[in-house]
Amino acid sequence: MTKSPAGNQAQFASIWINRAKGDVLRIVKKSLIAFLIVALLPAQVAWGEQFVPEGVDESKGDVAILVRDIFTSSQSFVHNQGEKDAFGNRPFCSSLTTESCSTAPSENLRIFQTIPLCSVDASASCIEGLDVYSADSQPQAATYIRNVSGVQFSGDKRLGIPAAYTPAIWDAPLHPNASGSTRYVTSVQIRWLYRFGKVSLENFFAVVHPVREIQDQKFGPSGVGKATRNGKTFTYLGAMNNGYTAEECATTDVGYCAKVVEFAENTRVGLKLRLSKELTGWLQGRISKPSLKVTSIGSNLDRVEIDASPVEVPQLYAATKVSNLPNWLQGSLSANFGGGGRAFSDRQWRIFSSEGEQVVRITRALAKIANNRAAHVSTSWNVSSLQRVATGNRCLDNPNRLVGLVTTNALAYSGGAPQFKNGFLSYQVAGAHYLPDGTTKTEGTYDLALRSETARCLYGFSRAPISATISVVGSKGEKKFATTVVRERSGWLTMAAYGFTFSSPTIQVKLTQKR
């Protein structure tokens, strides 16, 4: 894998990306960027070796943009959406009833609950187990070691919110990661909304990190902290980090950092979960060649087993004059003042999450400025549920059961369920044509798993076998070469396209059946 050098301390703290709604929540104002270098971004947002941009001085009419995966912290916490601190930011809480938070009917809270192992509490969503093994061998169960310390809080039985826990550390002695370590970290988080005295589920996000353990007393567990600037108080998520950038530790503890490294080649990861039946509909993720199994285990829970390979996910970085950008992209910059920034300097960059149709468009424009070359590549394994799927098609929008899974390694992707139009299931992706070395072509992956009965519903098919064709179509309508795989088994139709190149193809699936 092509690597890029890590830089000095930097922060990506000025925005949080709400993936479900696609909105950008401003956590700090621009005047605070230099001060809140590490404090606001928690240590659990790690994605492989970190790429730190050089940044630009925007006062000279320059702009730098980084497109990459961005997710909120994997630690448990509560975000008070109904309050603002002295700087106009939404405060954090370490439980439902501490700091500025309460469960009064007037409260407006977003709750981030990291779930426990089922051996701790099997009555609600929980982790049953983890497999880490080589793709050419049989699954091997990893051994649970411990949970880290950090924010934990009691749930509220009256509201139906379970207790919140911390990420877990596992050992897979037969399958070390790329660093030679056999340790892995799991974090599975459920996001809830509390409004008008009622609780609703948003989505879940599950990630598995390969890590190398570092012991140093300067590390500390993550938590909700309080600080004062110019006589004004604000809260933040953070941890003591011993000079590491905030994205390098998958989780921290007293004297401990689980430093994110890369997966070894040919790795497979299997995660077994018990999830609320309300977390249904569609899943998406950064995985490849997935195997998905869903079994009902009662009136409230499903057993969801996801076995898949990690994928190599590129990032895009481009620096240019603002005047060189198309007008529509300049408008997007105004709406997103950015993140990043080098410690105590005037150099900064903007950050866009990799998910969304608008980011696909942005990536297409920036790829040309970046000479169609990715800035960095790292391996990822994560799966999440989509909060709302509203395609307008009753077959795809069924909220009462798991309908499908869509995954890709594309630098940018449209997100959501594939669009069904003119007989095709279409999905947009975009990226740089080359890896960071400037010569190796980026190879795309796309996997779509669809319930067989959903496919039959879409096309009005009988119970006879279904066939599918997959096309990868370039921005000018040209067909791109890809190795495609289609099979129907155990009630699921799985389709895949591998090895296609970028920069902006659309992936189309057409299902057929002999009459």
Protein backbone atom coordinates (compact mmCIF):
# COMPACT_ATOMS: atom_id res chain seq x y z
CA MET A 1 0.00 0.00 0.00
CA THR A 2 1.19 3.50 -0.78
CA LYS A 3 1.77 5.55 2.37
CA SER A 4 2.05 9.23 2.95
CA PRO A 5 4.10 10.86 5.69
CA ALA A 6 2.38 11.94 8.87
CA GLY A 7 2.72 15.56 9.82
CA ASN A 8 2.87 17.55 13.02
CA GLN A 9 -0.01 18.12 15.41
CA ALA A 10 -3.16 19.23 13.68
CA GLN A 11 -6.80 19.37 14.51
CA PHE A 12 -9.96 18.62 12.64
CA ALA A 13 -12.13 20.00 15.40
CA SER A 14 -14.15 22.78 13.87
CA ILE A 15 -16.82 20.56 12.33
CA TRP A 16 -18.62 17.37 13.10
CA ILE A 17 -20.30 15.57 10.23
CA ASN A 18 -23.75 14.22 10.90
CA ARG A 19 -23.78 11.42 8.33
CA ALA A 20 -27.45 10.65 8.67
CA LYS A 21 -28.68 14.14 7.83
CA GLY A 22 -25.63 15.40 5.93
CA ASP A 23 -25.61 18.63 7.90
CA VAL A 24 -22.49 20.24 9.33
CA LEU A 25 -22.59 21.11 13.02
CA ARG A 26 -20.22 23.90 13.96
CA ILE A 27 -18.60 22.93 17.24
CA VAL A 28 -16.11 25.79 17.42
CA LYS A 29 -16.07 29.13 15.74
CA LYS A 30 -13.26 30.19 13.51
CA SER A 31 -11.73 32.39 16.19
CA LEU A 32 -11.12 29.32 18.36
CA ILE A 33 -9.39 27.10 15.80
CA ALA A 34 -5.82 27.81 16.91
CA PHE A 35 -6.66 27.31 20.59
CA LEU A 36 -8.61 24.08 20.32
CA ILE A 37 -5.97 22.11 18.45
CA VAL A 38 -6.38 18.77 20.19
CA ALA A 39 -8.92 19.25 22.93
CA LEU A 40 -12.16 19.12 20.97
CA LEU A 41 -11.51 16.11 18.79
CA PRO A 42 -11.61 12.86 20.81
CA ALA A 43 -8.94 10.22 20.47
CA GLN A 44 -11.33 7.66 19.00
CA VAL A 45 -11.66 9.04 15.48
CA ALA A 46 -8.74 7.12 14.07
CA TRP A 47 -8.43 5.89 10.49
CA GLY A 48 -5.01 4.40 9.84
CA GLU A 49 -1.87 6.47 9.56
CA GLN A 50 -2.95 10.08 9.55
CA PHE A 51 -2.44 12.39 6.61
CA VAL A 52 -1.87 15.99 7.70
CA PRO A 53 -2.17 18.59 4.92
CA GLU A 54 0.19 21.51 4.65
CA GLY A 55 -2.69 23.97 4.49
CA VAL A 56 -2.72 27.49 3.07
CA ASP A 57 -3.00 31.09 4.23
CA GLU A 58 -6.56 31.95 3.22
CA SER A 59 -5.91 35.67 3.66
CA LYS A 60 -4.01 35.51 0.35
CA GLY A 61 -7.01 34.17 -1.56
CA ASP A 62 -5.90 30.54 -1.38
CA VAL A 63 -7.94 27.55 -0.27
CA ALA A 64 -7.04 23.96 0.56
CA ILE A 65 -9.64 21.17 0.66
CA LEU A 66 -9.43 17.66 2.07
CA VAL A 67 -12.08 15.04 1.17
CA ARG A 68 -12.07 12.07 3.52
CA ASP A 69 -14.19 9.89 5.79
CA ILE A 70 -15.27 11.77 8.91
CA PHE A 71 -17.20 10.22 11.75
CA THR A 72 -18.08 11.32 15.24
CA SER A 73 -16.36 9.91 18.29
CA SER A 74 -16.70 6.24 19.21
CA GLN A 75 -16.82 7.11 22.91
CA SER A 76 -20.11 7.48 24.74
CA PHE A 77 -21.35 11.01 25.36
CA VAL A 78 -24.42 13.24 25.18
CA HIS A 79 -24.63 16.33 22.97
CA ASN A 80 -27.04 18.99 24.17
CA GLN A 81 -28.75 20.33 21.04
CA GLY A 82 -30.97 22.73 22.97
CA GLU A 83 -28.27 24.82 24.66
CA LYS A 84 -25.39 27.02 23.56
CA ASP A 85 -22.27 27.94 25.49
CA ALA A 86 -20.65 31.38 25.64
CA PHE A 87 -19.12 30.82 22.21
CA GLY A 88 -22.40 29.76 20.61
CA ASN A 89 -21.51 26.03 20.53
CA ARG A 90 -23.60 23.06 21.64
CA PRO A 91 -22.21 21.69 24.92
CA PHE A 92 -21.20 18.10 25.67
CA CYS A 93 -22.28 16.01 28.68
CA SER A 94 -20.85 12.85 30.23
CA SER A 95 -24.32 11.43 30.97
CA LEU A 96 -28.00 12.10 30.56
CA THR A 97 -28.16 14.05 33.81
CA THR A 98 -24.79 15.81 34.25
CA GLU A 99 -23.30 19.10 33.07
CA SER A 100 -26.01 20.94 31.10
CA CYS A 101 -28.08 17.82 30.26
CA SER A 102 -31.24 16.42 31.81
CA THR A 103 -34.19 14.27 30.79
CA ALA A 104 -36.75 17.02 31.32
CA PRO A 105 -39.42 16.99 28.57
CA SER A 106 -38.09 20.29 27.22
CA GLU A 107 -34.58 18.89 26.57
CA ASN A 108 -33.19 18.29 23.07
CA LEU A 109 -30.39 15.71 23.22
CA ARG A 110 -28.41 13.55 20.82
CA ILE A 111 -27.14 10.48 22.69
CA PHE A 112 -24.09 8.48 21.57
CA GLN A 113 -24.20 5.09 23.30
CA THR A 114 -21.31 2.65 22.83
CA ILE A 115 -22.82 -0.80 23.38
CA PRO A 116 -21.39 -3.56 25.64
CA LEU A 117 -20.53 -7.19 25.05
CA CYS A 118 -23.53 -9.50 25.28
CA SER A 119 -21.85 -11.20 28.24
CA VAL A 120 -22.41 -7.94 30.14
CA ASP A 121 -25.95 -7.19 28.96
CA ALA A 122 -27.78 -9.28 26.36
CA SER A 123 -31.15 -7.62 26.88
CA ALA A 124 -30.43 -4.85 24.37
CA SER A 125 -28.05 -4.25 21.46
CA CYS A 126 -24.64 -5.79 22.19
CA ILE A 127 -21.52 -7.39 20.67
CA GLU A 128 -21.57 -11.20 20.53
CA GLY A 129 -18.08 -11.72 19.16
CA LEU A 130 -15.29 -10.86 16.74
CA ASP A 131 -13.47 -13.02 14.17
CA VAL A 132 -10.15 -11.97 12.58
CA TYR A 133 -8.56 -14.39 10.14
CA SER A 134 -6.98 -14.90 6.74
CA ALA A 135 -9.30 -15.03 3.73
CA ASP A 136 -7.88 -18.43 2.74
CA SER A 137 -8.55 -20.01 6.16
CA GLN A 138 -11.48 -20.72 8.45
CA PRO A 139 -12.85 -17.97 10.73
CA GLN A 140 -10.94 -17.63 14.00
CA ALA A 141 -12.55 -16.10 17.06
CA ALA A 142 -10.62 -13.24 18.64
CA THR A 143 -10.30 -13.21 22.43
CA TYR A 144 -11.87 -10.38 24.37
CA ILE A 145 -9.26 -8.68 26.57
CA ARG A 146 -10.98 -5.72 28.25
CA ASN A 147 -12.86 -2.48 27.85
CA VAL A 148 -10.99 0.77 28.35
CA SER A 149 -11.94 3.26 30.99
CA GLY A 150 -13.64 6.47 29.97
CA VAL A 151 -17.15 7.85 29.78
CA GLN A 152 -19.82 5.36 30.84
CA PHE A 153 -23.27 6.25 32.04
CA SER A 154 -26.41 4.55 33.26
CA GLY A 155 -29.32 4.35 30.90
CA ASP A 156 -32.87 5.31 31.61
CA LYS A 157 -35.27 2.36 31.79
CA ARG A 158 -38.25 4.69 31.79
CA LEU A 159 -37.17 6.05 28.41
CA GLY A 160 -35.83 2.74 27.10
CA ILE A 161 -32.20 3.91 26.80
CA PRO A 162 -29.66 1.22 27.82
CA ALA A 163 -26.42 1.96 29.66
CA ALA A 164 -23.42 3.28 27.71
CA TYR A 165 -19.99 1.65 27.74
CA THR A 166 -16.54 2.07 26.15
CA PRO A 167 -14.61 0.52 23.22
CA ALA A 168 -13.28 -3.03 23.65
CA ILE A 169 -9.80 -4.48 23.05
CA TRP A 170 -9.40 -7.94 21.46
CA ASP A 171 -6.53 -10.29 20.67
CA ALA A 172 -6.28 -12.39 17.47
CA PRO A 173 -3.05 -14.39 18.02
CA LEU A 174 -3.29 -16.28 14.72
CA HIS A 175 -3.70 -13.18 12.54
CA PRO A 176 -1.48 -10.18 13.33
CA ASN A 177 -2.12 -6.86 11.65
CA ALA A 178 0.35 -5.04 9.39
CA SER A 179 2.41 -3.85 12.39
CA GLY A 180 2.86 -7.40 13.72
CA SER A 181 0.55 -6.72 16.67
CA THR A 182 -2.36 -9.08 17.28
CA ARG A 183 -4.58 -6.48 18.96
CA TYR A 184 -7.81 -5.00 17.58
CA VAL A 185 -10.34 -2.49 18.90
CA THR A 186 -14.08 -2.62 18.36
CA SER A 187 -16.53 0.17 18.90
CA VAL A 188 -20.22 -0.22 18.10
CA GLN A 189 -22.24 2.88 18.79
CA ILE A 190 -25.97 3.58 18.67
CA ARG A 191 -27.15 7.14 18.18
CA TRP A 192 -30.42 8.23 19.82
CA LEU A 193 -32.50 11.39 19.73
CA TYR A 194 -34.36 12.69 22.79
CA ARG A 195 -36.91 15.37 21.96
CA PHE A 196 -40.20 16.44 23.52
CA GLY A 197 -39.81 13.79 26.22
CA LYS A 198 -39.54 10.94 23.70
CA VAL A 199 -36.63 8.81 22.48
CA SER A 200 -36.04 7.58 18.92
CA LEU A 201 -33.23 5.61 17.30
CA GLU A 202 -31.12 7.33 14.65
CA ASN A 203 -28.64 4.70 13.47
CA PHE A 204 -25.69 2.57 14.50
CA PHE A 205 -22.04 2.65 13.50
CA ALA A 206 -19.62 -0.27 13.96
CA VAL A 207 -15.86 -0.11 13.38
CA VAL A 208 -12.97 -2.55 13.84
CA HIS A 209 -9.46 -1.06 14.09
CA PRO A 210 -6.14 -2.93 13.91
CA VAL A 211 -3.91 -1.37 16.56
CA ARG A 212 -0.44 -1.36 18.09
CA GLU A 213 -0.40 -0.76 21.84
CA ILE A 214 1.68 2.08 23.29
CA GLN A 215 2.31 2.44 27.02
CA ASP A 216 3.04 5.93 28.35
CA GLN A 217 1.72 7.63 31.46
CA LYS A 218 1.02 10.80 29.49
CA PHE A 219 -1.97 9.10 27.85
CA GLY A 220 -5.33 9.25 29.58
CA PRO A 221 -8.91 8.07 29.02
CA SER A 222 -11.29 10.12 26.92
CA GLY A 223 -13.93 12.16 28.59
CA VAL A 224 -15.92 15.36 28.65
CA GLY A 225 -13.78 18.24 29.83
CA LYS A 226 -14.36 21.86 30.71
CA ALA A 227 -12.10 24.80 29.86
CA THR A 228 -12.15 28.56 30.02
CA ARG A 229 -10.96 31.08 27.44
CA ASN A 230 -11.14 34.82 27.94
CA GLY A 231 -13.29 34.23 30.98
CA LYS A 232 -15.80 32.13 29.03
CA THR A 233 -16.37 28.42 29.74
CA PHE A 234 -16.94 25.65 27.20
CA THR A 235 -17.00 21.83 27.19
CA TYR A 236 -15.04 19.53 24.90
CA LEU A 237 -14.39 15.88 24.13
CA GLY A 238 -10.77 14.84 24.51
CA ALA A 239 -8.00 12.94 26.22
CA MET A 240 -4.35 13.34 27.19
CA ASN A 241 -2.51 12.24 24.08
CA ASN A 242 1.25 12.56 24.67
CA GLY A 243 1.77 14.70 21.59
CA TYR A 244 0.02 12.32 19.19
CA THR A 245 -2.42 13.79 16.74
CA ALA A 246 -5.99 13.33 17.85
CA GLU A 247 -6.70 10.80 15.11
CA GLU A 248 -3.92 8.32 15.83
CA CYS A 249 -5.37 6.43 18.82
CA ALA A 250 -8.39 4.19 18.26
CA THR A 251 -8.97 4.51 21.98
CA THR A 252 -7.00 5.62 25.03
CA ASP A 253 -6.81 4.71 28.70
CA VAL A 254 -4.65 5.53 31.69
CA GLY A 255 -1.10 5.29 30.34
CA TYR A 256 -2.33 3.60 27.17
CA CYS A 257 -2.94 4.33 23.47
CA ALA A 258 -4.27 1.81 20.96
CA LYS A 259 -2.52 3.34 17.95
CA VAL A 260 -4.30 2.68 14.68
CA VAL A 261 -2.26 0.74 12.11
CA GLU A 262 -3.17 -0.96 8.84
CA PHE A 263 -4.83 -4.33 8.34
CA ALA A 264 -2.58 -7.09 7.03
CA GLU A 265 -3.23 -8.13 3.45
CA ASN A 266 -5.82 -10.86 2.90
CA THR A 267 -7.56 -10.16 6.22
CA ARG A 268 -11.20 -11.04 6.88
CA VAL A 269 -13.18 -9.63 9.79
CA GLY A 270 -16.41 -11.03 11.15
CA LEU A 271 -18.50 -9.04 13.63
CA LYS A 272 -21.48 -10.63 15.37
CA LEU A 273 -24.01 -8.23 16.84
CA ARG A 274 -27.40 -8.21 18.47
CA LEU A 275 -29.23 -5.13 17.27
CA SER A 276 -32.64 -3.62 17.85
CA LYS A 277 -35.08 -4.47 15.07
CA GLU A 278 -35.62 -0.74 14.72
CA LEU A 279 -32.10 -0.44 13.28
CA THR A 280 -33.22 -1.92 9.98
CA GLY A 281 -33.67 -0.87 6.39
CA TRP A 282 -30.27 -0.35 4.73
CA LEU A 283 -26.65 -0.74 5.77
CA GLN A 284 -23.62 0.86 4.16
CA GLY A 285 -19.92 0.58 4.88
CA ARG A 286 -16.26 0.49 4.04
CA ILE A 287 -15.88 -3.23 3.42
CA SER A 288 -15.64 -5.61 0.46
CA LYS A 289 -16.83 -9.11 -0.42
CA PRO A 290 -19.34 -9.12 2.44
CA SER A 291 -21.30 -12.05 3.78
CA LEU A 292 -24.44 -10.98 5.63
CA LYS A 293 -26.69 -13.08 7.85
CA VAL A 294 -29.69 -11.81 9.82
CA THR A 295 -31.58 -13.98 12.31
CA SER A 296 -34.48 -12.96 14.54
CA ILE A 297 -33.82 -13.74 18.21
CA GLY A 298 -37.00 -12.44 19.74
CA SER A 299 -39.53 -9.69 19.37
CA ASN A 300 -37.01 -6.86 19.79
CA LEU A 301 -33.61 -8.06 18.58
CA ASP A 302 -31.94 -9.46 15.47
CA ARG A 303 -28.62 -11.26 15.32
CA VAL A 304 -26.65 -9.53 12.55
CA GLU A 305 -23.47 -11.27 11.35
CA ILE A 306 -21.24 -9.33 8.96
CA ASP A 307 -18.12 -11.00 7.57
CA ALA A 308 -16.04 -9.00 5.08
CA SER A 309 -12.63 -7.82 3.93
CA PRO A 310 -11.30 -4.36 4.76
CA VAL A 311 -10.88 -1.91 1.88
CA GLU A 312 -8.23 0.62 0.95
CA VAL A 313 -9.88 4.06 1.02
CA PRO A 314 -8.15 7.04 -0.65
CA GLN A 315 -8.25 10.68 0.44
CA LEU A 316 -8.09 13.72 -1.82
CA TYR A 317 -6.27 16.97 -1.08
CA ALA A 318 -6.12 20.01 -3.34
CA ALA A 319 -4.78 23.53 -2.81
CA THR A 320 -5.48 26.37 -5.22
CA LYS A 321 -6.71 29.94 -5.57
CA VAL A 322 -10.38 30.36 -4.66
CA SER A 323 -10.84 32.13 -7.98
CA ASN A 324 -9.82 28.92 -9.79
CA LEU A 325 -12.85 27.07 -8.40
CA PRO A 326 -16.24 27.03 -10.14
CA ASN A 327 -18.79 29.42 -8.65
CA TRP A 328 -20.96 26.64 -7.21
CA LEU A 329 -17.96 25.23 -5.31
CA GLN A 330 -17.02 28.66 -3.98
CA GLY A 331 -20.57 28.80 -2.58
CA SER A 332 -20.04 25.46 -0.85
CA LEU A 333 -16.93 26.87 0.83
CA SER A 334 -18.99 29.70 2.29
CA ALA A 335 -21.36 27.17 3.86
CA ASN A 336 -18.48 25.08 5.24
CA PHE A 337 -15.84 27.32 6.79
CA GLY A 338 -13.69 24.26 7.27
CA GLY A 339 -11.65 22.38 9.78
CA GLY A 340 -8.02 21.63 10.17
CA GLY A 341 -5.36 24.23 10.61
CA ARG A 342 -1.80 23.82 11.80
CA ALA A 343 -1.15 24.48 15.47
CA PHE A 344 -0.89 28.18 16.29
CA SER A 345 -0.47 29.32 12.69
CA ASP A 346 -2.58 30.86 10.00
CA ARG A 347 -2.40 27.85 7.68
CA GLN A 348 -5.64 25.92 7.39
CA TRP A 349 -7.77 23.72 5.16
CA ARG A 350 -11.40 22.81 4.65
CA ILE A 351 -12.77 19.33 5.23
CA PHE A 352 -15.63 17.65 3.38
CA SER A 353 -17.01 14.26 4.37
CA SER A 354 -16.73 11.67 1.60
CA GLU A 355 -20.47 10.88 1.60
CA GLY A 356 -23.10 12.69 -0.44
CA GLU A 357 -24.00 13.57 -4.00
CA GLN A 358 -22.64 17.09 -3.59
CA VAL A 359 -19.27 15.71 -2.44
CA VAL A 360 -19.17 13.45 -5.50
CA ARG A 361 -19.49 16.61 -7.57
CA ILE A 362 -16.84 18.41 -5.49
CA THR A 363 -14.44 15.49 -5.84
CA ARG A 364 -14.82 15.51 -9.61
CA ALA A 365 -13.82 19.19 -9.67
CA LEU A 366 -10.93 18.84 -7.21
CA ALA A 367 -9.44 15.73 -8.82
CA LYS A 368 -8.33 17.83 -11.79
CA ILE A 369 -6.60 20.35 -9.50
CA ALA A 370 -4.87 17.49 -7.65
CA ASN A 371 -3.57 16.02 -10.94
CA ASN A 372 -5.97 13.09 -10.48
CA ARG A 373 -3.78 11.83 -7.65
CA ALA A 374 -4.90 10.72 -4.19
CA ALA A 375 -3.08 12.22 -1.23
CA HIS A 376 -3.24 9.19 1.04
CA VAL A 377 -4.67 5.67 1.34
CA SER A 378 -5.56 3.72 4.49
CA THR A 379 -7.44 0.52 5.25
CA SER A 380 -10.88 0.60 6.86
CA TRP A 381 -13.53 -1.81 8.13
CA ASN A 382 -16.79 -0.21 9.22
CA VAL A 383 -20.53 -0.66 8.77
CA SER A 384 -23.43 1.64 9.64
CA SER A 385 -27.16 1.81 9.22
CA LEU A 386 -28.85 4.55 7.24
CA GLN A 387 -31.15 6.69 9.35
CA ARG A 388 -33.78 7.25 6.72
CA VAL A 389 -34.19 5.78 3.26
CA ALA A 390 -36.70 7.69 1.17
CA THR A 391 -36.27 6.62 -2.43
CA GLY A 392 -40.02 6.78 -3.01
CA ASN A 393 -40.06 3.08 -3.87
CA ARG A 394 -42.03 0.92 -1.43
CA CYS A 395 -39.75 -2.06 -2.07
CA LEU A 396 -36.56 -0.20 -1.12
CA ASP A 397 -38.01 1.92 1.68
CA ASN A 398 -39.24 -0.91 3.92
CA PRO A 399 -38.29 0.24 7.46
CA ASN A 400 -39.36 -2.95 9.20
CA ARG A 401 -36.54 -5.27 8.16
CA LEU A 402 -33.06 -5.28 6.72
CA VAL A 403 -33.42 -4.65 2.99
CA GLY A 404 -29.87 -4.37 1.69
CA LEU A 405 -26.21 -3.53 2.13
CA VAL A 406 -24.18 -1.26 -0.17
CA THR A 407 -20.42 -0.77 0.22
CA THR A 408 -17.58 0.81 -1.73
CA ASN A 409 -13.97 1.94 -1.33
CA ALA A 410 -14.57 5.02 -3.49
CA LEU A 411 -13.03 8.26 -2.26
CA ALA A 412 -16.48 9.87 -2.56
CA TYR A 413 -19.86 8.18 -2.91
CA SER A 414 -23.47 9.27 -3.15
CA GLY A 415 -24.56 7.51 0.05
CA GLY A 416 -27.99 6.16 0.85
CA ALA A 417 -29.63 3.30 -1.00
CA PRO A 418 -29.05 2.89 -4.75
CA GLN A 419 -31.53 4.84 -6.87
CA PHE A 420 -33.99 2.74 -8.87
CA LYS A 421 -34.75 4.46 -12.17
CA ASN A 422 -35.46 3.21 -15.68
CA GLY A 423 -34.97 -0.37 -14.55
CA PHE A 424 -31.49 0.24 -13.09
CA LEU A 425 -30.22 0.39 -9.53
CA SER A 426 -27.67 3.23 -9.79
CA TYR A 427 -24.96 4.43 -7.42
CA GLN A 428 -22.53 7.30 -7.98
CA VAL A 429 -18.90 7.26 -6.93
CA ALA A 430 -15.89 9.49 -7.60
CA GLY A 431 -12.19 9.58 -6.90
CA ALA A 432 -8.70 10.26 -8.16
CA HIS A 433 -7.48 8.17 -11.07
CA TYR A 434 -4.10 7.46 -9.41
CA LEU A 435 -2.82 6.48 -5.99
CA PRO A 436 -0.35 8.78 -4.17
CA ASP A 437 2.62 7.49 -6.20
CA GLY A 438 1.09 9.10 -9.28
CA THR A 439 1.42 6.00 -11.48
CA THR A 440 -0.61 3.18 -9.90
CA LYS A 441 -4.27 3.35 -10.89
CA THR A 442 -6.88 3.38 -8.17
CA GLU A 443 -9.06 0.27 -8.36
CA GLY A 444 -12.62 0.59 -7.17
CA THR A 445 -14.80 -1.89 -5.31
CA TYR A 446 -18.60 -1.96 -5.09
CA ASP A 447 -20.76 -4.55 -3.34
CA LEU A 448 -24.54 -4.68 -3.24
CA ALA A 449 -26.48 -7.26 -1.24
CA LEU A 450 -30.24 -7.20 -1.74
CA ARG A 451 -32.93 -9.41 -0.29
CA SER A 452 -34.21 -11.66 -3.08
CA GLU A 453 -37.79 -10.76 -2.25
CA THR A 454 -36.90 -7.05 -2.51
CA ALA A 455 -35.49 -7.65 -5.98
CA ARG A 456 -38.65 -9.54 -6.97
CA CYS A 457 -40.75 -6.71 -5.55
CA LEU A 458 -38.86 -4.12 -7.63
CA TYR A 459 -39.28 -5.94 -10.93
CA GLY A 460 -42.46 -7.94 -10.31
CA PHE A 461 -40.50 -11.18 -10.68
CA SER A 462 -41.70 -14.67 -9.83
CA ARG A 463 -39.81 -17.01 -7.51
CA ALA A 464 -37.73 -18.27 -10.44
CA PRO A 465 -33.96 -17.55 -10.36
CA ILE A 466 -32.80 -13.99 -10.97
CA SER A 467 -29.91 -12.85 -13.15
CA ALA A 468 -28.11 -9.51 -13.04
CA THR A 469 -25.75 -7.45 -15.15
CA ILE A 470 -23.46 -4.78 -13.68
CA SER A 471 -22.19 -1.83 -15.69
CA VAL A 472 -19.64 0.76 -14.64
CA VAL A 473 -20.28 3.83 -16.77
CA GLY A 474 -17.92 6.83 -17.00
CA SER A 475 -19.01 10.46 -16.80
CA LYS A 476 -19.15 10.63 -20.60
CA GLY A 477 -21.16 7.42 -20.94
CA GLU A 478 -18.19 5.18 -21.70
CA LYS A 479 -18.16 1.65 -20.25
CA LYS A 480 -15.33 0.90 -17.82
CA PHE A 481 -13.87 -2.55 -17.38
CA ALA A 482 -14.73 -4.30 -14.13
CA THR A 483 -14.80 -7.84 -12.84
CA THR A 484 -18.38 -8.54 -11.80
CA VAL A 485 -19.84 -11.18 -9.54
CA VAL A 486 -23.53 -12.12 -9.12
CA ARG A 487 -25.07 -14.89 -7.05
CA GLU A 488 -28.30 -15.71 -5.21
CA ARG A 489 -28.09 -17.70 -2.01
CA SER A 490 -29.99 -18.04 1.29
CA GLY A 491 -32.54 -15.41 0.38
CA TRP A 492 -30.00 -12.79 -0.68
CA LEU A 493 -28.89 -11.59 -4.10
CA THR A 494 -25.28 -10.38 -3.99
CA MET A 495 -23.70 -8.34 -6.78
CA ALA A 496 -20.22 -6.84 -7.02
CA ALA A 497 -17.92 -4.89 -9.33
CA TYR A 498 -14.17 -4.82 -8.73
CA GLY A 499 -11.15 -3.33 -10.42
CA PHE A 500 -12.79 -0.38 -12.17
CA THR A 501 -10.98 2.95 -12.37
CA PHE A 502 -12.07 6.50 -11.55
CA SER A 503 -12.59 9.47 -11.65
CA SER A 504 -16.42 9.64 -11.73
CA PRO A 505 -18.26 6.49 -12.76
CA THR A 506 -21.83 5.48 -12.08
CA ILE A 507 -22.44 1.85 -11.16
CA GLN A 508 -25.63 0.38 -12.62
CA VAL A 509 -27.27 -2.94 -11.82
CA LYS A 510 -29.97 -4.43 -14.05
CA LEU A 511 -31.89 -7.50 -12.84
CA THR A 512 -33.54 -9.93 -15.25
CA GLN A 513 -35.47 -13.19 -15.11
CA LYS A 514 -36.41 -15.73 -17.74
CA ARG A 515 -40.13 -15.73 -18.37
